[in-house]
Amino acid sequence: MREDGKIDYLEMPGGELPGTKAFYAKAFGWSFTDYGPTYAAYSEGLDGGFDSDEAASKPLPVLFASDLEALLARVTEAGAEIVRPIFSFPGGRRFHFRDPAGNELAVWSES
């Protein structure tokens, strides 16, 4: 069950995506759902995905929100820097922020 503010998904850099997928399939038996040529999702304990887009250079923890705008307001009020305002993606909407330590995280919602 998804809960507000809990880590719900982990995106990681995918590098050369076919090779990355082959490694995780062979080493751990993972399977993937492809979303275009640069993204492959997995559901292996913690759901996540590999992003081979050049902009994906670090892991990105993704938290869940039942009310995206309300959580955006809380994150902003707590002092986070919003690095990507709310945008749509296949499966929902999300925003990205940087915490006081400089870590980038995202928050997503199904609607």
PDB file of N, CA and C in Angstrom:
ATOM      1  N   MET A   1       0.831  -1.175   0.000  1.00  0.00           N
ATOM      2  CA  MET A   1       0.000   0.000   0.000  1.00  0.00           C
ATOM      3  C   MET A   1       0.879   1.242   0.000  1.00  0.00           C
ATOM      4  N   ARG A   2       0.593   2.153  -0.888  1.00  0.00           N
ATOM      5  CA  ARG A   2       1.373   3.378  -0.995  1.00  0.00           C
ATOM      6  C   ARG A   2       1.004   4.336   0.129  1.00  0.00           C
ATOM      7  N   GLU A   3       2.038   5.017   0.680  1.00  0.00           N
ATOM      8  CA  GLU A   3       1.824   5.963   1.756  1.00  0.00           C
ATOM      9  C   GLU A   3       2.515   7.275   1.441  1.00  0.00           C
ATOM     10  N   ASP A   4       1.867   8.378   1.829  1.00  0.00           N
ATOM     11  CA  ASP A   4       2.447   9.696   1.618  1.00  0.00           C
ATOM     12  C   ASP A   4       3.831   9.792   2.247  1.00  0.00           C
ATOM     13  N   GLY A   5       4.764  10.354   1.501  1.00  0.00           N
ATOM     14  CA  GLY A   5       6.092  10.633   2.021  1.00  0.00           C
ATOM     15  C   GLY A   5       7.017   9.443   2.152  1.00  0.00           C
ATOM     16  N   LYS A   6       6.596   8.260   1.734  1.00  0.00           N
ATOM     17  CA  LYS A   6       7.435   7.062   1.825  1.00  0.00           C
ATOM     18  C   LYS A   6       8.106   6.804   0.481  1.00  0.00           C
ATOM     19  N   ILE A   7       9.329   6.282   0.510  1.00  0.00           N
ATOM     20  CA  ILE A   7      10.009   5.941  -0.737  1.00  0.00           C
ATOM     21  C   ILE A   7       9.205   4.846  -1.419  1.00  0.00           C
ATOM     22  N   ASP A   8       8.862   5.102  -2.666  1.00  0.00           N
ATOM     23  CA  ASP A   8       7.957   4.232  -3.408  1.00  0.00           C
ATOM     24  C   ASP A   8       8.610   3.665  -4.667  1.00  0.00           C
ATOM     25  N   TYR A   9       9.709   4.278  -5.106  1.00  0.00           N
ATOM     26  CA  TYR A   9      10.289   3.934  -6.400  1.00  0.00           C
ATOM     27  C   TYR A   9      11.725   4.417  -6.403  1.00  0.00           C
ATOM     28  N   LEU A  10      12.601   3.756  -7.131  1.00  0.00           N
ATOM     29  CA  LEU A  10      13.998   4.184  -7.230  1.00  0.00           C
ATOM     30  C   LEU A  10      14.433   4.146  -8.676  1.00  0.00           C
ATOM     31  N   GLU A  11      14.743   5.310  -9.217  1.00  0.00           N
ATOM     32  CA  GLU A  11      15.293   5.385 -10.572  1.00  0.00           C
ATOM     33  C   GLU A  11      16.807   5.419 -10.483  1.00  0.00           C
ATOM     34  N   MET A  12      17.458   4.685 -11.371  1.00  0.00           N
ATOM     35  CA  MET A  12      18.915   4.653 -11.397  1.00  0.00           C
ATOM     36  C   MET A  12      19.390   4.885 -12.830  1.00  0.00           C
ATOM     37  N   PRO A  13      20.590   5.443 -12.993  1.00  0.00           N
ATOM     38  CA  PRO A  13      21.135   5.592 -14.339  1.00  0.00           C
ATOM     39  C   PRO A  13      21.229   4.231 -15.017  1.00  0.00           C
ATOM     40  N   GLY A  14      20.853   4.198 -16.288  1.00  0.00           N
ATOM     41  CA  GLY A  14      20.816   2.933 -17.013  1.00  0.00           C
ATOM     42  C   GLY A  14      22.022   2.655 -17.879  1.00  0.00           C
ATOM     43  N   GLY A  15      22.859   3.683 -18.122  1.00  0.00           N
ATOM     44  CA  GLY A  15      24.022   3.487 -18.988  1.00  0.00           C
ATOM     45  C   GLY A  15      23.606   2.911 -20.330  1.00  0.00           C
ATOM     46  N   GLU A  16      24.321   1.919 -20.765  1.00  0.00           N
ATOM     47  CA  GLU A  16      23.987   1.206 -22.008  1.00  0.00           C
ATOM     48  C   GLU A  16      22.898   0.224 -21.611  1.00  0.00           C
ATOM     49  N   LEU A  17      21.642   0.608 -21.852  1.00  0.00           N
ATOM     50  CA  LEU A  17      20.484  -0.070 -21.275  1.00  0.00           C
ATOM     51  C   LEU A  17      20.401  -1.566 -21.572  1.00  0.00           C
ATOM     52  N   PRO A  18      20.608  -2.025 -22.808  1.00  0.00           N
ATOM     53  CA  PRO A  18      20.533  -3.482 -23.028  1.00  0.00           C
ATOM     54  C   PRO A  18      21.531  -4.265 -22.170  1.00  0.00           C
ATOM     55  N   GLY A  19      22.734  -3.732 -22.014  1.00  0.00           N
ATOM     56  CA  GLY A  19      23.731  -4.407 -21.182  1.00  0.00           C
ATOM     57  C   GLY A  19      23.365  -4.394 -19.710  1.00  0.00           C
ATOM     58  N   THR A  20      22.818  -3.269 -19.238  1.00  0.00           N
ATOM     59  CA  THR A  20      22.388  -3.160 -17.841  1.00  0.00           C
ATOM     60  C   THR A  20      21.279  -4.163 -17.550  1.00  0.00           C
ATOM     61  N   LYS A  21      20.289  -4.216 -18.442  1.00  0.00           N
ATOM     62  CA  LYS A  21      19.190  -5.166 -18.267  1.00  0.00           C
ATOM     63  C   LYS A  21      19.700  -6.597 -18.291  1.00  0.00           C
ATOM     64  N   ALA A  22      20.604  -6.907 -19.207  1.00  0.00           N
ATOM     65  CA  ALA A  22      21.150  -8.265 -19.301  1.00  0.00           C
ATOM     66  C   ALA A  22      21.875  -8.657 -18.014  1.00  0.00           C
ATOM     67  N   PHE A  23      22.635  -7.712 -17.441  1.00  0.00           N
ATOM     68  CA  PHE A  23      23.352  -7.992 -16.194  1.00  0.00           C
ATOM     69  C   PHE A  23      22.379  -8.346 -15.071  1.00  0.00           C
ATOM     70  N   TYR A  24      21.380  -7.488 -14.835  1.00  0.00           N
ATOM     71  CA  TYR A  24      20.446  -7.721 -13.726  1.00  0.00           C
ATOM     72  C   TYR A  24      19.584  -8.957 -13.960  1.00  0.00           C
ATOM     73  N   ALA A  25      19.270  -9.247 -15.205  1.00  0.00           N
ATOM     74  CA  ALA A  25      18.512 -10.467 -15.504  1.00  0.00           C
ATOM     75  C   ALA A  25      19.346 -11.707 -15.193  1.00  0.00           C
ATOM     76  N   LYS A  26      20.604 -11.682 -15.618  1.00  0.00           N
ATOM     77  CA  LYS A  26      21.469 -12.850 -15.411  1.00  0.00           C
ATOM     78  C   LYS A  26      21.872 -13.004 -13.942  1.00  0.00           C
ATOM     79  N   ALA A  27      22.250 -11.903 -13.301  1.00  0.00           N
ATOM     80  CA  ALA A  27      22.747 -11.981 -11.922  1.00  0.00           C
ATOM     81  C   ALA A  27      21.631 -12.238 -10.907  1.00  0.00           C
ATOM     82  N   PHE A  28      20.456 -11.630 -11.123  1.00  0.00           N
ATOM     83  CA  PHE A  28      19.420 -11.678 -10.095  1.00  0.00           C
ATOM     84  C   PHE A  28      18.070 -12.182 -10.580  1.00  0.00           C
ATOM     85  N   GLY A  29      17.951 -12.476 -11.873  1.00  0.00           N
ATOM     86  CA  GLY A  29      16.688 -12.977 -12.402  1.00  0.00           C
ATOM     87  C   GLY A  29      15.627 -11.898 -12.599  1.00  0.00           C
ATOM     88  N   TRP A  30      16.045 -10.626 -12.665  1.00  0.00           N
ATOM     89  CA  TRP A  30      15.092  -9.530 -12.819  1.00  0.00           C
ATOM     90  C   TRP A  30      14.471  -9.549 -14.207  1.00  0.00           C
ATOM     91  N   SER A  31      13.243  -9.053 -14.298  1.00  0.00           N
ATOM     92  CA  SER A  31      12.582  -8.842 -15.591  1.00  0.00           C
ATOM     93  C   SER A  31      12.195  -7.370 -15.682  1.00  0.00           C
ATOM     94  N   PHE A  32      11.927  -6.910 -16.887  1.00  0.00           N
ATOM     95  CA  PHE A  32      11.742  -5.485 -17.135  1.00  0.00           C
ATOM     96  C   PHE A  32      10.531  -5.212 -18.000  1.00  0.00           C
ATOM     97  N   THR A  33       9.981  -4.014 -17.852  1.00  0.00           N
ATOM     98  CA  THR A  33       8.966  -3.478 -18.742  1.00  0.00           C
ATOM     99  C   THR A  33       9.575  -2.246 -19.389  1.00  0.00           C
ATOM    100  N   ASP A  34       9.695  -2.260 -20.703  1.00  0.00           N
ATOM    101  CA  ASP A  34      10.303  -1.140 -21.412  1.00  0.00           C
ATOM    102  C   ASP A  34       9.287  -0.040 -21.668  1.00  0.00           C
ATOM    103  N   TYR A  35       9.717   1.190 -21.436  1.00  0.00           N
ATOM    104  CA  TYR A  35       8.927   2.388 -21.732  1.00  0.00           C
ATOM    105  C   TYR A  35       9.763   3.247 -22.670  1.00  0.00           C
ATOM    106  N   GLY A  36       9.826   2.839 -23.910  1.00  0.00           N
ATOM    107  CA  GLY A  36      10.647   3.539 -24.887  1.00  0.00           C
ATOM    108  C   GLY A  36      12.072   3.032 -24.869  1.00  0.00           C
ATOM    109  N   PRO A  37      12.929   3.610 -25.718  1.00  0.00           N
ATOM    110  CA  PRO A  37      14.295   3.096 -25.865  1.00  0.00           C
ATOM    111  C   PRO A  37      15.242   3.452 -24.726  1.00  0.00           C
ATOM    112  N   THR A  38      14.858   4.390 -23.846  1.00  0.00           N
ATOM    113  CA  THR A  38      15.785   4.831 -22.812  1.00  0.00           C
ATOM    114  C   THR A  38      15.333   4.528 -21.392  1.00  0.00           C
ATOM    115  N   TYR A  39      14.241   3.757 -21.225  1.00  0.00           N
ATOM    116  CA  TYR A  39      13.749   3.513 -19.872  1.00  0.00           C
ATOM    117  C   TYR A  39      13.214   2.090 -19.746  1.00  0.00           C
ATOM    118  N   ALA A  40      13.629   1.417 -18.696  1.00  0.00           N
ATOM    119  CA  ALA A  40      13.142   0.067 -18.393  1.00  0.00           C
ATOM    120  C   ALA A  40      12.808  -0.002 -16.904  1.00  0.00           C
ATOM    121  N   ALA A  41      11.578  -0.362 -16.588  1.00  0.00           N
ATOM    122  CA  ALA A  41      11.128  -0.451 -15.199  1.00  0.00           C
ATOM    123  C   ALA A  41      11.308  -1.876 -14.683  1.00  0.00           C
ATOM    124  N   TYR A  42      11.496  -1.985 -13.376  1.00  0.00           N
ATOM    125  CA  TYR A  42      11.581  -3.290 -12.720  1.00  0.00           C
ATOM    126  C   TYR A  42      10.677  -3.292 -11.501  1.00  0.00           C
ATOM    127  N   SER A  43      10.298  -4.468 -11.057  1.00  0.00           N
ATOM    128  CA  SER A  43       9.501  -4.635  -9.856  1.00  0.00           C
ATOM    129  C   SER A  43      10.098  -5.814  -9.100  1.00  0.00           C
ATOM    130  N   GLU A  44      11.144  -5.515  -8.350  1.00  0.00           N
ATOM    131  CA  GLU A  44      11.935  -6.569  -7.707  1.00  0.00           C
ATOM    132  C   GLU A  44      12.142  -6.252  -6.227  1.00  0.00           C
ATOM    133  N   GLY A  45      11.084  -6.191  -5.470  1.00  0.00           N
ATOM    134  CA  GLY A  45      11.151  -5.783  -4.066  1.00  0.00           C
ATOM    135  C   GLY A  45      10.688  -4.348  -3.983  1.00  0.00           C
ATOM    136  N   LEU A  46      11.563  -3.425  -4.263  1.00  0.00           N
ATOM    137  CA  LEU A  46      11.219  -2.010  -4.404  1.00  0.00           C
ATOM    138  C   LEU A  46      11.096  -1.734  -5.892  1.00  0.00           C
ATOM    139  N   ASP A  47       9.969  -1.195  -6.330  1.00  0.00           N
ATOM    140  CA  ASP A  47       9.808  -0.875  -7.740  1.00  0.00           C
ATOM    141  C   ASP A  47      10.793   0.217  -8.127  1.00  0.00           C
ATOM    142  N   GLY A  48      11.188   0.201  -9.393  1.00  0.00           N
ATOM    143  CA  GLY A  48      12.119   1.214  -9.870  1.00  0.00           C
ATOM    144  C   GLY A  48      12.310   1.116 -11.362  1.00  0.00           C
ATOM    145  N   GLY A  49      13.319   1.806 -11.840  1.00  0.00           N
ATOM    146  CA  GLY A  49      13.599   1.789 -13.264  1.00  0.00           C
ATOM    147  C   GLY A  49      15.008   2.254 -13.557  1.00  0.00           C
ATOM    148  N   PHE A  50      15.503   1.850 -14.714  1.00  0.00           N
ATOM    149  CA  PHE A  50      16.793   2.305 -15.222  1.00  0.00           C
ATOM    150  C   PHE A  50      16.530   3.309 -16.322  1.00  0.00           C
ATOM    151  N   ASP A  51      17.162   4.475 -16.224  1.00  0.00           N
ATOM    152  CA  ASP A  51      16.999   5.560 -17.193  1.00  0.00           C
ATOM    153  C   ASP A  51      18.327   5.787 -17.884  1.00  0.00           C
ATOM    154  N   SER A  52      18.378   5.530 -19.201  1.00  0.00           N
ATOM    155  CA  SER A  52      19.637   5.708 -19.924  1.00  0.00           C
ATOM    156  C   SER A  52      19.755   7.086 -20.554  1.00  0.00           C
ATOM    157  N   ASP A  53      18.817   7.985 -20.263  1.00  0.00           N
ATOM    158  CA  ASP A  53      18.927   9.367 -20.719  1.00  0.00           C
ATOM    159  C   ASP A  53      20.204   9.965 -20.127  1.00  0.00           C
ATOM    160  N   GLU A  54      20.926  10.754 -20.903  1.00  0.00           N
ATOM    161  CA  GLU A  54      22.194  11.319 -20.431  1.00  0.00           C
ATOM    162  C   GLU A  54      22.045  12.160 -19.171  1.00  0.00           C
ATOM    163  N   ALA A  55      20.868  12.755 -18.951  1.00  0.00           N
ATOM    164  CA  ALA A  55      20.653  13.594 -17.772  1.00  0.00           C
ATOM    165  C   ALA A  55      20.565  12.779 -16.483  1.00  0.00           C
ATOM    166  N   ALA A  56      20.345  11.484 -16.577  1.00  0.00           N
ATOM    167  CA  ALA A  56      20.225  10.630 -15.390  1.00  0.00           C
ATOM    168  C   ALA A  56      21.622  10.213 -14.947  1.00  0.00           C
ATOM    169  N   SER A  57      22.174  10.933 -13.970  1.00  0.00           N
ATOM    170  CA  SER A  57      23.557  10.664 -13.559  1.00  0.00           C
ATOM    171  C   SER A  57      23.679  10.117 -12.142  1.00  0.00           C
ATOM    172  N   LYS A  58      22.583  10.151 -11.371  1.00  0.00           N
ATOM    173  CA  LYS A  58      22.599   9.654  -9.991  1.00  0.00           C
ATOM    174  C   LYS A  58      21.301   8.915  -9.716  1.00  0.00           C
ATOM    175  N   PRO A  59      21.286   8.041  -8.718  1.00  0.00           N
ATOM    176  CA  PRO A  59      20.011   7.442  -8.314  1.00  0.00           C
ATOM    177  C   PRO A  59      19.034   8.524  -7.872  1.00  0.00           C
ATOM    178  N   LEU A  60      17.754   8.298  -8.119  1.00  0.00           N
ATOM    179  CA  LEU A  60      16.706   9.260  -7.775  1.00  0.00           C
ATOM    180  C   LEU A  60      15.639   8.556  -6.947  1.00  0.00           C
ATOM    181  N   PRO A  61      15.642   8.740  -5.613  1.00  0.00           N
ATOM    182  CA  PRO A  61      14.544   8.200  -4.805  1.00  0.00           C
ATOM    183  C   PRO A  61      13.260   8.955  -5.137  1.00  0.00           C
ATOM    184  N   VAL A  62      12.166   8.218  -5.262  1.00  0.00           N
ATOM    185  CA  VAL A  62      10.876   8.820  -5.598  1.00  0.00           C
ATOM    186  C   VAL A  62       9.887   8.484  -4.479  1.00  0.00           C
ATOM    187  N   LEU A  63       9.330   9.515  -3.857  1.00  0.00           N
ATOM    188  CA  LEU A  63       8.360   9.354  -2.779  1.00  0.00           C
ATOM    189  C   LEU A  63       6.951   9.462  -3.353  1.00  0.00           C
ATOM    190  N   PHE A  64       5.975   8.965  -2.621  1.00  0.00           N
ATOM    191  CA  PHE A  64       4.589   8.984  -3.070  1.00  0.00           C
ATOM    192  C   PHE A  64       3.814  10.103  -2.384  1.00  0.00           C
ATOM    193  N   ALA A  65       2.798  10.640  -3.079  1.00  0.00           N
ATOM    194  CA  ALA A  65       1.872  11.613  -2.493  1.00  0.00           C
ATOM    195  C   ALA A  65       0.476  11.350  -3.025  1.00  0.00           C
ATOM    196  N   SER A  66      -0.501  11.275  -2.134  1.00  0.00           N
ATOM    197  CA  SER A  66      -1.883  11.161  -2.593  1.00  0.00           C
ATOM    198  C   SER A  66      -2.376  12.517  -3.088  1.00  0.00           C
ATOM    199  N   ASP A  67      -1.823  13.615  -2.551  1.00  0.00           N
ATOM    200  CA  ASP A  67      -2.157  14.981  -2.972  1.00  0.00           C
ATOM    201  C   ASP A  67      -0.844  15.686  -3.298  1.00  0.00           C
ATOM    202  N   LEU A  68      -0.489  15.703  -4.575  1.00  0.00           N
ATOM    203  CA  LEU A  68       0.811  16.205  -5.012  1.00  0.00           C
ATOM    204  C   LEU A  68       1.000  17.676  -4.658  1.00  0.00           C
ATOM    205  N   GLU A  69      -0.015  18.489  -4.887  1.00  0.00           N
ATOM    206  CA  GLU A  69       0.106  19.917  -4.603  1.00  0.00           C
ATOM    207  C   GLU A  69       0.312  20.176  -3.108  1.00  0.00           C
ATOM    208  N   ALA A  70      -0.381  19.428  -2.268  1.00  0.00           N
ATOM    209  CA  ALA A  70      -0.229  19.608  -0.820  1.00  0.00           C
ATOM    210  C   ALA A  70       1.176  19.229  -0.368  1.00  0.00           C
ATOM    211  N   LEU A  71       1.715  18.141  -0.917  1.00  0.00           N
ATOM    212  CA  LEU A  71       3.064  17.744  -0.520  1.00  0.00           C
ATOM    213  C   LEU A  71       4.100  18.706  -1.084  1.00  0.00           C
ATOM    214  N   LEU A  72       3.872  19.234  -2.276  1.00  0.00           N
ATOM    215  CA  LEU A  72       4.764  20.266  -2.832  1.00  0.00           C
ATOM    216  C   LEU A  72       4.807  21.465  -1.880  1.00  0.00           C
ATOM    217  N   ALA A  73       3.664  21.892  -1.370  1.00  0.00           N
ATOM    218  CA  ALA A  73       3.618  23.020  -0.442  1.00  0.00           C
ATOM    219  C   ALA A  73       4.394  22.706   0.834  1.00  0.00           C
ATOM    220  N   ARG A  74       4.250  21.490   1.365  1.00  0.00           N
ATOM    221  CA  ARG A  74       4.972  21.097   2.591  1.00  0.00           C
ATOM    222  C   ARG A  74       6.473  21.069   2.369  1.00  0.00           C
ATOM    223  N   VAL A  75       6.891  20.497   1.232  1.00  0.00           N
ATOM    224  CA  VAL A  75       8.319  20.402   0.915  1.00  0.00           C
ATOM    225  C   VAL A  75       8.910  21.801   0.757  1.00  0.00           C
ATOM    226  N   THR A  76       8.188  22.669   0.065  1.00  0.00           N
ATOM    227  CA  THR A  76       8.655  24.039  -0.138  1.00  0.00           C
ATOM    228  C   THR A  76       8.741  24.773   1.196  1.00  0.00           C
ATOM    229  N   GLU A  77       7.705  24.649   2.022  1.00  0.00           N
ATOM    230  CA  GLU A  77       7.684  25.301   3.327  1.00  0.00           C
ATOM    231  C   GLU A  77       8.816  24.810   4.233  1.00  0.00           C
ATOM    232  N   ALA A  78       9.197  23.544   4.070  1.00  0.00           N
ATOM    233  CA  ALA A  78      10.281  22.981   4.880  1.00  0.00           C
ATOM    234  C   ALA A  78      11.656  23.460   4.416  1.00  0.00           C
ATOM    235  N   GLY A  79      11.722  24.138   3.253  1.00  0.00           N
ATOM    236  CA  GLY A  79      12.983  24.721   2.806  1.00  0.00           C
ATOM    237  C   GLY A  79      13.655  24.056   1.626  1.00  0.00           C
ATOM    238  N   ALA A  80      12.979  23.131   0.967  1.00  0.00           N
ATOM    239  CA  ALA A  80      13.581  22.469  -0.189  1.00  0.00           C
ATOM    240  C   ALA A  80      13.636  23.409  -1.384  1.00  0.00           C
ATOM    241  N   GLU A  81      14.591  23.169  -2.257  1.00  0.00           N
ATOM    242  CA  GLU A  81      14.683  23.872  -3.533  1.00  0.00           C
ATOM    243  C   GLU A  81      13.950  23.024  -4.567  1.00  0.00           C
ATOM    244  N   ILE A  82      12.960  23.581  -5.233  1.00  0.00           N
ATOM    245  CA  ILE A  82      12.233  22.858  -6.276  1.00  0.00           C
ATOM    246  C   ILE A  82      13.069  22.963  -7.555  1.00  0.00           C
ATOM    247  N   VAL A  83      13.528  21.819  -8.058  1.00  0.00           N
ATOM    248  CA  VAL A  83      14.374  21.830  -9.257  1.00  0.00           C
ATOM    249  C   VAL A  83      13.610  21.478 -10.525  1.00  0.00           C
ATOM    250  N   ARG A  84      12.453  20.841 -10.409  1.00  0.00           N
ATOM    251  CA  ARG A  84      11.537  20.593 -11.534  1.00  0.00           C
ATOM    252  C   ARG A  84      10.124  20.714 -11.004  1.00  0.00           C
ATOM    253  N   PRO A  85       9.388  21.747 -11.447  1.00  0.00           N
ATOM    254  CA  PRO A  85       8.003  21.880 -10.997  1.00  0.00           C
ATOM    255  C   PRO A  85       7.163  20.693 -11.469  1.00  0.00           C
ATOM    256  N   ILE A  86       5.948  20.605 -11.000  1.00  0.00           N
ATOM    257  CA  ILE A  86       5.057  19.490 -11.344  1.00  0.00           C
ATOM    258  C   ILE A  86       4.970  19.322 -12.864  1.00  0.00           C
ATOM    259  N   PHE A  87       5.141  18.082 -13.301  1.00  0.00           N
ATOM    260  CA  PHE A  87       5.024  17.732 -14.721  1.00  0.00           C
ATOM    261  C   PHE A  87       4.378  16.362 -14.835  1.00  0.00           C
ATOM    262  N   SER A  88       3.810  16.088 -16.003  1.00  0.00           N
ATOM    263  CA  SER A  88       3.189  14.785 -16.271  1.00  0.00           C
ATOM    264  C   SER A  88       4.202  13.832 -16.865  1.00  0.00           C
ATOM    265  N   PHE A  89       4.016  12.559 -16.590  1.00  0.00           N
ATOM    266  CA  PHE A  89       4.822  11.478 -17.177  1.00  0.00           C
ATOM    267  C   PHE A  89       3.913  10.270 -17.306  1.00  0.00           C
ATOM    268  N   PRO A  90       4.304   9.253 -18.083  1.00  0.00           N
ATOM    269  CA  PRO A  90       3.441   8.069 -18.187  1.00  0.00           C
ATOM    270  C   PRO A  90       3.215   7.456 -16.799  1.00  0.00           C
ATOM    271  N   GLY A  91       1.993   7.473 -16.355  1.00  0.00           N
ATOM    272  CA  GLY A  91       1.660   6.903 -15.052  1.00  0.00           C
ATOM    273  C   GLY A  91       1.248   7.912 -14.008  1.00  0.00           C
ATOM    274  N   GLY A  92       1.453   9.211 -14.267  1.00  0.00           N
ATOM    275  CA  GLY A  92       1.054  10.197 -13.268  1.00  0.00           C
ATOM    276  C   GLY A  92       1.707  11.551 -13.461  1.00  0.00           C
ATOM    277  N   ARG A  93       1.952  12.209 -12.321  1.00  0.00           N
ATOM    278  CA  ARG A  93       2.606  13.511 -12.303  1.00  0.00           C
ATOM    279  C   ARG A  93       3.633  13.512 -11.178  1.00  0.00           C
ATOM    280  N   ARG A  94       4.644  14.377 -11.288  1.00  0.00           N
ATOM    281  CA  ARG A  94       5.623  14.454 -10.223  1.00  0.00           C
ATOM    282  C   ARG A  94       6.365  15.784 -10.259  1.00  0.00           C
ATOM    283  N   PHE A  95       7.125  16.042  -9.183  1.00  0.00           N
ATOM    284  CA  PHE A  95       8.052  17.170  -9.133  1.00  0.00           C
ATOM    285  C   PHE A  95       9.348  16.678  -8.499  1.00  0.00           C
ATOM    286  N   HIS A  96      10.434  17.441  -8.726  1.00  0.00           N
ATOM    287  CA  HIS A  96      11.736  17.104  -8.153  1.00  0.00           C
ATOM    288  C   HIS A  96      12.163  18.231  -7.226  1.00  0.00           C
ATOM    289  N   PHE A  97      12.857  17.874  -6.154  1.00  0.00           N
ATOM    290  CA  PHE A  97      13.376  18.874  -5.224  1.00  0.00           C
ATOM    291  C   PHE A  97      14.757  18.458  -4.731  1.00  0.00           C
ATOM    292  N   ARG A  98      15.476  19.449  -4.191  1.00  0.00           N
ATOM    293  CA  ARG A  98      16.781  19.198  -3.593  1.00  0.00           C
ATOM    294  C   ARG A  98      16.655  19.471  -2.093  1.00  0.00           C
ATOM    295  N   ASP A  99      17.096  18.499  -1.291  1.00  0.00           N
ATOM    296  CA  ASP A  99      17.024  18.655   0.159  1.00  0.00           C
ATOM    297  C   ASP A  99      18.194  19.506   0.648  1.00  0.00           C
ATOM    298  N   PRO A 100      18.239  19.866   1.947  1.00  0.00           N
ATOM    299  CA  PRO A 100      19.327  20.719   2.434  1.00  0.00           C
ATOM    300  C   PRO A 100      20.723  20.126   2.264  1.00  0.00           C
ATOM    301  N   ALA A 101      20.832  18.808   2.138  1.00  0.00           N
ATOM    302  CA  ALA A 101      22.134  18.177   1.933  1.00  0.00           C
ATOM    303  C   ALA A 101      22.546  18.134   0.462  1.00  0.00           C
ATOM    304  N   GLY A 102      21.650  18.583  -0.430  1.00  0.00           N
ATOM    305  CA  GLY A 102      21.963  18.590  -1.858  1.00  0.00           C
ATOM    306  C   GLY A 102      21.469  17.377  -2.617  1.00  0.00           C
ATOM    307  N   ASN A 103      20.774  16.458  -1.953  1.00  0.00           N
ATOM    308  CA  ASN A 103      20.241  15.272  -2.627  1.00  0.00           C
ATOM    309  C   ASN A 103      18.998  15.648  -3.432  1.00  0.00           C
ATOM    310  N   GLU A 104      18.916  15.117  -4.658  1.00  0.00           N
ATOM    311  CA  GLU A 104      17.704  15.313  -5.439  1.00  0.00           C
ATOM    312  C   GLU A 104      16.766  14.130  -5.230  1.00  0.00           C
ATOM    313  N   LEU A 105      15.498  14.435  -4.970  1.00  0.00           N
ATOM    314  CA  LEU A 105      14.445  13.442  -4.808  1.00  0.00           C
ATOM    315  C   LEU A 105      13.267  13.884  -5.655  1.00  0.00           C
ATOM    316  N   ALA A 106      12.334  12.979  -5.878  1.00  0.00           N
ATOM    317  CA  ALA A 106      11.115  13.304  -6.594  1.00  0.00           C
ATOM    318  C   ALA A 106       9.928  12.852  -5.761  1.00  0.00           C
ATOM    319  N   VAL A 107       8.781  13.465  -6.025  1.00  0.00           N
ATOM    320  CA  VAL A 107       7.529  13.058  -5.402  1.00  0.00           C
ATOM    321  C   VAL A 107       6.536  12.860  -6.534  1.00  0.00           C
ATOM    322  N   TRP A 108       5.818  11.733  -6.518  1.00  0.00           N
ATOM    323  CA  TRP A 108       4.875  11.431  -7.605  1.00  0.00           C
ATOM    324  C   TRP A 108       3.492  11.155  -7.062  1.00  0.00           C
ATOM    325  N   SER A 109       2.520  11.299  -7.948  1.00  0.00           N
ATOM    326  CA  SER A 109       1.137  10.994  -7.655  1.00  0.00           C
ATOM    327  C   SER A 109       0.509  10.374  -8.900  1.00  0.00           C
ATOM    328  N   GLU A 110      -0.470   9.516  -8.686  1.00  0.00           N
ATOM    329  CA  GLU A 110      -1.126   8.869  -9.806  1.00  0.00           C
ATOM    330  C   GLU A 110      -2.025   9.829 -10.582  1.00  0.00           C
ATOM    331  N   SER A 111      -2.439  10.944  -9.968  1.00  0.00           N
ATOM    332  CA  SER A 111      -3.310  11.892 -10.674  1.00  0.00           C
ATOM    333  C   SER A 111      -2.777  13.305 -10.559  1.00  0.00           C
TER     334      SER A 111
END
